[in-house]
Each structure stands twice: as C-alpha cells, then as structure tokens.
C-alpha cells in the first residue's frame, strides 16, 4: 500500500475533522495592568494577562514583569507550571531549593511543589508563565 493510500485510509477512519475555533490575537498593551504580584503582594509588577482574553481556553499564558524588589511568594501548585525568563534575573524556589535564573532559562515546576520567584539585581525580571487552566 502506498503512503498516500495509508493516509487517506486513516483520514476516512478518523471521520470528519471538527473545525477549530478561529485564532485569538491578543495585543499585550490591551491586557497590561499594574498590580502587586500574586501570592504575597510583595512589591509591584506589570501583569500581561494574555490568556484572559481567550474564550474556552485550556491553558494559561501570561507575561509578568516583577519590578525591582518584587516577588511571587511561595505557594503550592496543583499543576505543572513553567517560568521562562525574558529579561533580568531572579531566584526561583521549588520545595526549598533556590536556583538563579537569567534570560533564556526556564524553570519547569511540578504539581505538588511549593514554588515562587523573586526579582534580583538592578533590572526588572520579565517572565512568561504558563500552566494548564482549571477552566473547562
């Protein structure tokens, strides 16, 4: 059987594809706000709640800039979570173990851990934070 025939057979067996919703395009300037960081309100941050603008989502995707001296305080997580550093430096903690993060580094944090991150140095810490949504 030729490759094209196999693909055609698989497509027919799977049935008609469901149409995906159209893409949602979000400008960060439209979802930006100044607020204390979550989990302790330590200092100030600029929050870009990107995925809040997306209906029927299954994941959260956010950008947060921790101003000098700010931190997302330690908190337990009930899902895996990723902190990806865009700019600045910070110390991430997971179950009491602290690791320095700099641009281009990611911390993959596991469900059940107590995690947090604090800005270090003289420049703000810009992060992408992503995790599964609890929304249906």
Protein backbone atom coordinates (compact mmCIF):
# COMPACT_ATOMS: atom_id res chain seq x y z
CA UNK A 1 0.00 0.00 0.00
CA UNK A 2 1.36 3.43 -0.91
CA UNK A 3 1.86 6.19 1.68
CA UNK A 4 -0.92 8.31 0.13
CA UNK A 5 -3.36 5.41 0.36
CA UNK A 6 -2.48 4.84 4.03
CA UNK A 7 -3.05 8.49 4.89
CA UNK A 8 -6.34 8.50 3.01
CA UNK A 9 -7.48 5.37 4.86
CA UNK A 10 -6.52 6.88 8.23
CA UNK A 11 -8.36 10.10 7.42
CA UNK A 12 -11.52 8.21 6.46
CA UNK A 13 -11.33 6.01 9.57
CA UNK A 14 -10.99 9.04 11.83
CA UNK A 15 -14.11 10.64 10.41
CA UNK A 16 -14.65 14.29 9.58
CA UNK A 17 -12.40 16.74 11.41
CA UNK A 18 -14.05 19.16 13.80
CA UNK A 19 -13.45 22.76 12.89
CA UNK A 20 -11.21 24.57 15.35
CA UNK A 21 -12.28 27.99 16.58
CA UNK A 22 -10.59 30.93 14.88
CA UNK A 23 -7.29 32.13 16.33
CA UNK A 24 -7.47 34.79 19.03
CA UNK A 25 -4.91 37.55 18.62
CA UNK A 26 -4.03 39.46 21.79
CA UNK A 27 -2.01 42.66 21.98
CA UNK A 28 -0.16 42.77 25.28
CA UNK A 29 -0.81 46.51 25.58
CA UNK A 30 -4.55 45.76 25.74
CA UNK A 31 -4.23 43.34 28.69
CA UNK A 32 -1.49 45.15 30.65
CA UNK A 33 -2.06 46.40 34.18
CA UNK A 34 -0.01 47.43 37.19
CA UNK A 35 -0.63 45.26 40.26
CA UNK A 36 1.12 43.61 43.18
CA UNK A 37 2.33 40.12 42.24
CA UNK A 38 0.21 37.17 43.39
CA UNK A 39 0.92 35.08 46.48
CA UNK A 40 2.01 37.70 48.96
CA UNK A 41 1.72 41.03 47.12
CA UNK A 42 5.47 41.59 47.52
CA UNK A 43 6.33 44.78 45.63
CA UNK A 44 4.77 45.75 42.30
CA UNK A 45 4.59 44.23 38.86
CA UNK A 46 3.27 44.78 35.38
CA UNK A 47 0.90 41.94 34.50
CA UNK A 48 0.00 40.94 30.96
CA UNK A 49 -2.91 38.56 31.41
CA UNK A 50 -2.80 37.36 27.82
CA UNK A 51 -4.91 34.22 28.04
CA UNK A 52 -7.68 36.02 29.97
CA UNK A 53 -8.80 37.39 26.59
CA UNK A 54 -9.23 33.87 25.13
CA UNK A 55 -12.60 32.10 25.44
CA UNK A 56 -12.76 28.35 26.09
CA UNK A 57 -9.04 28.07 26.77
CA UNK A 58 -7.30 25.07 28.29
CA UNK A 59 -4.09 26.80 29.32
CA UNK A 60 -2.92 30.00 30.96
CA UNK A 61 -0.23 32.08 29.27
CA UNK A 62 0.94 35.23 30.98
CA UNK A 63 3.78 37.68 30.94
CA UNK A 64 4.73 39.34 34.22
CA UNK A 65 7.42 41.89 34.90
CA UNK A 66 8.48 41.91 38.53
CA UNK A 67 9.70 45.38 39.41
CA UNK A 68 12.89 45.75 41.48
CA UNK A 69 12.35 44.08 44.87
CA UNK A 70 9.13 42.27 43.83
CA UNK A 71 8.33 38.57 44.21
CA UNK A 72 5.68 35.97 43.55
CA UNK A 73 5.63 34.47 47.02
CA UNK A 74 5.95 30.75 47.72
CA UNK A 75 2.72 28.88 47.07
CA UNK A 76 1.70 25.26 46.40
CA UNK A 77 0.76 24.41 42.82
CA UNK A 78 -1.75 21.76 41.75
CA UNK A 79 -0.48 21.60 38.15
CA UNK A 80 2.85 21.69 36.33
CA UNK A 81 3.97 25.25 35.60
CA UNK A 82 6.76 26.93 33.60
CA UNK A 83 8.55 30.20 34.37
CA UNK A 84 10.59 31.40 31.37
CA UNK A 85 12.90 34.39 31.82
CA UNK A 86 12.87 37.04 29.08
CA UNK A 87 14.97 39.71 30.83
CA UNK A 88 16.53 40.46 34.20
CA UNK A 89 17.47 37.94 36.86
CA UNK A 90 15.67 36.16 39.64
CA UNK A 91 15.76 33.37 42.18
CA UNK A 92 13.19 30.63 41.73
CA UNK A 93 12.37 28.36 44.65
CA UNK A 94 10.82 24.91 44.44
CA UNK A 95 10.32 22.98 47.68
CA UNK A 96 13.04 24.97 49.43
CA UNK A 97 15.67 24.67 46.68
CA UNK A 98 16.64 28.06 45.22
CA UNK A 99 18.14 28.46 41.73
CA UNK A 100 19.23 31.65 39.94
CA UNK A 101 17.53 32.25 36.59
CA UNK A 102 18.70 34.58 33.81
CA UNK A 103 17.40 35.31 30.28
CA UNK A 104 16.84 32.23 28.18
CA UNK A 105 16.40 29.94 31.19
CA UNK A 106 13.19 28.15 32.16
CA UNK A 107 12.11 26.54 35.39
CA UNK A 108 9.75 23.59 34.91
CA UNK A 109 7.89 23.27 38.21
CA UNK A 110 5.96 20.14 39.16
CA UNK A 111 2.49 19.71 40.61
CA UNK A 112 2.61 19.40 44.38
CA UNK A 113 5.67 21.64 44.85
CA UNK A 114 5.74 24.90 46.78
CA UNK A 115 7.15 27.44 44.33
CA UNK A 116 7.87 31.14 43.97
CA UNK A 117 10.24 33.57 42.28
CA UNK A 118 11.81 36.87 43.27
CA UNK A 119 13.49 39.56 41.25
CA UNK A 120 17.19 40.08 41.93
CA UNK A 121 19.62 42.72 40.69
CA UNK A 122 19.01 46.22 39.41
CA UNK A 123 16.72 45.44 36.46
CA UNK A 124 13.10 44.22 36.42
CA UNK A 125 12.55 40.49 35.91
CA UNK A 126 10.38 39.75 32.84
CA UNK A 127 8.81 36.26 32.76
CA UNK A 128 6.46 34.17 30.72
CA UNK A 129 4.35 31.96 33.00
CA UNK A 130 2.29 29.10 31.59
CA UNK A 131 0.22 26.33 33.13
CA UNK A 132 -2.96 24.34 32.42
CA UNK A 133 -6.21 26.15 33.02
CA UNK A 134 -8.74 24.92 35.55
CA UNK A 135 -11.49 26.34 33.37
CA UNK A 136 -13.45 23.90 31.15
